[in-house]
């Protein structure tokens, strides 16, 4: 396996299989005091996953509809940013 770069992380699924994922970007919501990571599998770049995480690197699903809607707005703003689109 290639060495893990700064923008990658390993995710272990419910079956114990490890997957190398690429971090798209992170976001911190100060009012909620929560951090989020947006990432994807290199083999499926169209399927971006977002989870919250703590300082120890533990990942958590987003289960609150209001919180998810807010995160979706952040992702849409990211996709619409002209500077980001120049990079893509």
N, C-alpha and C. Protein backbone atom coordinates (compact mmCIF):
# COMPACT_ATOMS: atom_id res chain seq x y z
N UNK A 1 0.85 -1.18 0.00
CA UNK A 1 0.00 0.00 0.00
C UNK A 1 0.89 1.24 0.00
N UNK A 2 0.44 2.28 -0.69
CA UNK A 2 1.16 3.55 -0.73
C UNK A 2 1.12 4.19 0.65
N UNK A 3 2.13 4.98 0.98
CA UNK A 3 2.09 5.68 2.27
C UNK A 3 0.90 6.64 2.34
N UNK A 4 0.37 6.79 3.53
CA UNK A 4 -0.77 7.68 3.73
C UNK A 4 -0.28 9.12 3.71
N UNK A 5 -0.95 9.94 2.92
CA UNK A 5 -0.61 11.35 2.79
C UNK A 5 -1.43 12.16 3.78
N UNK A 6 -1.11 13.44 3.89
CA UNK A 6 -1.81 14.32 4.83
C UNK A 6 -3.30 14.40 4.56
N UNK A 7 -3.72 14.27 3.30
CA UNK A 7 -5.14 14.43 2.98
C UNK A 7 -5.86 13.09 2.87
N UNK A 8 -5.32 12.05 3.49
CA UNK A 8 -5.95 10.75 3.46
C UNK A 8 -6.13 10.21 4.87
N UNK A 9 -7.07 9.29 4.99
CA UNK A 9 -7.30 8.63 6.27
C UNK A 9 -7.83 7.23 6.01
N UNK A 10 -7.68 6.37 6.97
CA UNK A 10 -8.15 5.00 6.86
C UNK A 10 -9.43 4.86 7.67
N UNK A 11 -10.47 4.33 7.02
CA UNK A 11 -11.75 4.09 7.67
C UNK A 11 -11.95 2.59 7.77
N UNK A 12 -12.39 2.11 8.92
CA UNK A 12 -12.70 0.70 9.10
C UNK A 12 -14.21 0.53 9.08
N UNK A 13 -14.72 -0.31 8.17
CA UNK A 13 -16.16 -0.52 8.07
C UNK A 13 -16.65 -1.51 9.13
N UNK A 14 -17.96 -1.75 9.14
CA UNK A 14 -18.56 -2.61 10.16
C UNK A 14 -18.09 -4.06 10.07
N UNK A 15 -17.51 -4.46 8.93
CA UNK A 15 -16.98 -5.82 8.76
C UNK A 15 -15.50 -5.92 9.11
N UNK A 16 -14.91 -4.79 9.50
CA UNK A 16 -13.49 -4.77 9.86
C UNK A 16 -12.56 -4.51 8.69
N UNK A 17 -13.10 -4.23 7.51
CA UNK A 17 -12.28 -3.94 6.34
C UNK A 17 -11.83 -2.48 6.39
N UNK A 18 -10.56 -2.25 6.04
CA UNK A 18 -10.02 -0.90 6.02
C UNK A 18 -10.11 -0.32 4.61
N UNK A 19 -10.45 0.98 4.54
CA UNK A 19 -10.58 1.68 3.27
C UNK A 19 -9.78 2.98 3.36
N UNK A 20 -8.96 3.20 2.35
CA UNK A 20 -8.20 4.44 2.28
C UNK A 20 -9.09 5.51 1.66
N UNK A 21 -9.33 6.58 2.37
CA UNK A 21 -10.22 7.64 1.92
C UNK A 21 -9.42 8.94 1.76
N UNK A 22 -9.90 9.79 0.86
CA UNK A 22 -9.28 11.09 0.63
C UNK A 22 -10.12 12.17 1.29
N UNK A 23 -9.49 13.02 2.07
CA UNK A 23 -10.18 14.11 2.74
C UNK A 23 -10.35 15.25 1.75
N UNK A 24 -11.60 15.65 1.54
CA UNK A 24 -11.90 16.77 0.66
C UNK A 24 -11.67 18.09 1.39
N UNK A 25 -12.31 18.23 2.56
CA UNK A 25 -12.07 19.39 3.42
C UNK A 25 -12.69 19.13 4.79
N UNK A 26 -12.29 19.96 5.76
CA UNK A 26 -12.87 19.89 7.10
C UNK A 26 -13.57 21.21 7.37
N UNK A 27 -14.47 21.17 8.33
CA UNK A 27 -15.27 22.35 8.67
C UNK A 27 -15.54 22.31 10.16
N UNK A 28 -15.43 23.46 10.81
CA UNK A 28 -15.73 23.54 12.24
C UNK A 28 -16.89 24.50 12.45
N UNK A 29 -17.89 24.03 13.19
CA UNK A 29 -19.05 24.84 13.53
C UNK A 29 -18.87 25.27 14.98
N UNK A 30 -18.51 26.53 15.18
CA UNK A 30 -18.16 27.01 16.51
C UNK A 30 -19.35 27.01 17.47
N UNK A 31 -20.54 27.35 16.99
CA UNK A 31 -21.71 27.39 17.88
C UNK A 31 -22.08 26.00 18.38
N UNK A 32 -21.97 25.00 17.52
CA UNK A 32 -22.26 23.62 17.93
C UNK A 32 -21.06 22.99 18.65
N UNK A 33 -19.90 23.64 18.50
CA UNK A 33 -18.65 23.09 19.03
C UNK A 33 -18.39 21.70 18.45
N UNK A 34 -18.57 21.61 17.10
CA UNK A 34 -18.37 20.33 16.41
C UNK A 34 -17.49 20.54 15.19
N UNK A 35 -16.76 19.50 14.87
CA UNK A 35 -15.90 19.48 13.69
C UNK A 35 -16.44 18.42 12.73
N UNK A 36 -16.29 18.71 11.43
CA UNK A 36 -16.78 17.80 10.40
C UNK A 36 -15.68 17.54 9.39
N UNK A 37 -15.69 16.34 8.83
CA UNK A 37 -14.77 15.99 7.77
C UNK A 37 -15.58 15.47 6.58
N UNK A 38 -15.25 15.98 5.40
CA UNK A 38 -15.87 15.56 4.15
C UNK A 38 -14.82 14.72 3.42
N UNK A 39 -15.15 13.50 3.07
CA UNK A 39 -14.17 12.62 2.45
C UNK A 39 -14.83 11.69 1.44
N UNK A 40 -13.99 11.02 0.63
CA UNK A 40 -14.49 10.12 -0.39
C UNK A 40 -13.47 9.03 -0.68
N UNK A 41 -13.95 7.97 -1.30
CA UNK A 41 -13.11 6.87 -1.76
C UNK A 41 -12.61 7.24 -3.16
N UNK A 42 -11.32 7.08 -3.42
CA UNK A 42 -10.76 7.41 -4.73
C UNK A 42 -11.51 6.72 -5.87
N UNK A 43 -12.05 5.54 -5.62
CA UNK A 43 -12.77 4.80 -6.65
C UNK A 43 -14.19 5.29 -6.87
N UNK A 44 -14.66 6.18 -6.02
CA UNK A 44 -16.03 6.68 -6.11
C UNK A 44 -16.05 8.14 -5.68
N UNK A 45 -15.44 9.00 -6.49
CA UNK A 45 -15.28 10.41 -6.13
C UNK A 45 -16.60 11.17 -6.06
N UNK A 46 -17.66 10.64 -6.66
CA UNK A 46 -18.95 11.32 -6.64
C UNK A 46 -19.71 11.10 -5.33
N UNK A 47 -19.28 10.16 -4.51
CA UNK A 47 -19.96 9.84 -3.27
C UNK A 47 -19.18 10.41 -2.09
N UNK A 48 -19.47 11.66 -1.75
CA UNK A 48 -18.78 12.32 -0.64
C UNK A 48 -19.52 11.99 0.66
N UNK A 49 -18.76 11.61 1.65
CA UNK A 49 -19.30 11.24 2.96
C UNK A 49 -18.91 12.34 3.94
N UNK A 50 -19.81 12.68 4.84
CA UNK A 50 -19.47 13.66 5.88
C UNK A 50 -19.80 13.06 7.24
N UNK A 51 -18.88 13.25 8.16
CA UNK A 51 -19.08 12.77 9.53
C UNK A 51 -18.49 13.82 10.47
N UNK A 52 -18.98 13.84 11.69
CA UNK A 52 -18.36 14.71 12.69
C UNK A 52 -17.22 13.92 13.34
N UNK A 53 -16.30 14.64 13.95
CA UNK A 53 -15.18 13.97 14.62
C UNK A 53 -14.78 14.77 15.86
N UNK A 54 -14.11 14.08 16.76
CA UNK A 54 -13.63 14.75 17.97
C UNK A 54 -12.11 14.89 17.91
N UNK A 55 -11.52 15.45 18.94
CA UNK A 55 -10.08 15.71 18.96
C UNK A 55 -9.24 14.43 18.94
N UNK A 56 -9.85 13.29 19.31
CA UNK A 56 -9.14 12.01 19.28
C UNK A 56 -9.23 11.34 17.91
N UNK A 57 -9.96 11.98 16.97
CA UNK A 57 -10.10 11.42 15.64
C UNK A 57 -11.23 10.43 15.48
N UNK A 58 -12.04 10.25 16.52
CA UNK A 58 -13.19 9.36 16.42
C UNK A 58 -14.25 9.98 15.52
N UNK A 59 -14.84 9.17 14.65
CA UNK A 59 -15.87 9.64 13.71
C UNK A 59 -17.25 9.30 14.21
N UNK A 60 -18.21 10.18 13.91
CA UNK A 60 -19.60 9.99 14.34
C UNK A 60 -20.54 10.32 13.20
N UNK A 61 -21.57 9.50 13.04
CA UNK A 61 -22.59 9.78 12.03
C UNK A 61 -23.36 11.03 12.41
N UNK A 62 -23.88 11.72 11.40
CA UNK A 62 -24.75 12.87 11.62
C UNK A 62 -26.18 12.38 11.54
N UNK A 63 -26.89 12.44 12.64
CA UNK A 63 -28.23 11.87 12.71
C UNK A 63 -29.33 12.92 12.82
N UNK A 64 -28.96 14.15 13.12
CA UNK A 64 -29.93 15.22 13.29
C UNK A 64 -30.22 15.85 11.92
N UNK A 65 -31.49 15.93 11.54
CA UNK A 65 -31.89 16.46 10.23
C UNK A 65 -31.47 17.92 10.05
N UNK A 66 -31.63 18.72 11.08
CA UNK A 66 -31.26 20.14 11.00
C UNK A 66 -29.75 20.29 10.81
N UNK A 67 -29.01 19.51 11.56
CA UNK A 67 -27.55 19.54 11.44
C UNK A 67 -27.12 19.08 10.04
N UNK A 68 -27.75 18.03 9.54
CA UNK A 68 -27.41 17.53 8.20
C UNK A 68 -27.73 18.56 7.12
N UNK A 69 -28.86 19.24 7.24
CA UNK A 69 -29.23 20.28 6.27
C UNK A 69 -28.20 21.40 6.26
N UNK A 70 -27.73 21.76 7.43
CA UNK A 70 -26.71 22.80 7.55
C UNK A 70 -25.40 22.37 6.89
N UNK A 71 -25.01 21.14 7.10
CA UNK A 71 -23.79 20.60 6.51
C UNK A 71 -23.92 20.52 5.00
N UNK A 72 -25.11 20.20 4.54
CA UNK A 72 -25.37 20.17 3.10
C UNK A 72 -25.18 21.56 2.48
N UNK A 73 -25.60 22.60 3.20
CA UNK A 73 -25.39 23.98 2.73
C UNK A 73 -23.90 24.30 2.64
N UNK A 74 -23.12 23.85 3.61
CA UNK A 74 -21.67 24.07 3.59
C UNK A 74 -21.07 23.38 2.37
N UNK A 75 -21.49 22.14 2.10
CA UNK A 75 -20.97 21.40 0.96
C UNK A 75 -21.35 22.08 -0.36
N UNK A 76 -22.58 22.56 -0.45
CA UNK A 76 -23.00 23.26 -1.67
C UNK A 76 -22.20 24.54 -1.88
N UNK A 77 -21.93 25.27 -0.81
CA UNK A 77 -21.13 26.49 -0.90
C UNK A 77 -19.71 26.15 -1.34
N UNK A 78 -19.18 25.07 -0.83
CA UNK A 78 -17.85 24.62 -1.24
C UNK A 78 -17.83 24.35 -2.75
N UNK A 79 -18.83 23.64 -3.24
CA UNK A 79 -18.90 23.29 -4.66
C UNK A 79 -19.11 24.50 -5.56
N UNK A 80 -19.71 25.55 -5.04
CA UNK A 80 -19.99 26.75 -5.84
C UNK A 80 -18.87 27.78 -5.76
N UNK A 81 -17.89 27.57 -4.90
CA UNK A 81 -16.79 28.52 -4.74
C UNK A 81 -15.95 28.54 -6.02
N UNK A 82 -15.82 29.71 -6.67
CA UNK A 82 -15.06 29.80 -7.92
C UNK A 82 -13.59 29.39 -7.77
N UNK A 83 -13.00 29.67 -6.62
CA UNK A 83 -11.60 29.29 -6.40
C UNK A 83 -11.46 27.77 -6.36
N UNK A 84 -12.42 27.10 -5.75
CA UNK A 84 -12.40 25.64 -5.69
C UNK A 84 -12.58 25.07 -7.09
N UNK A 85 -13.49 25.64 -7.85
CA UNK A 85 -13.76 25.15 -9.20
C UNK A 85 -12.55 25.29 -10.12
N UNK A 86 -11.70 26.28 -9.87
CA UNK A 86 -10.47 26.43 -10.66
C UNK A 86 -9.52 25.27 -10.40
N UNK A 87 -9.52 24.76 -9.19
CA UNK A 87 -8.64 23.67 -8.80
C UNK A 87 -9.11 22.35 -9.39
N UNK A 88 -10.42 22.16 -9.42
CA UNK A 88 -10.98 20.89 -9.90
C UNK A 88 -10.62 20.71 -11.30
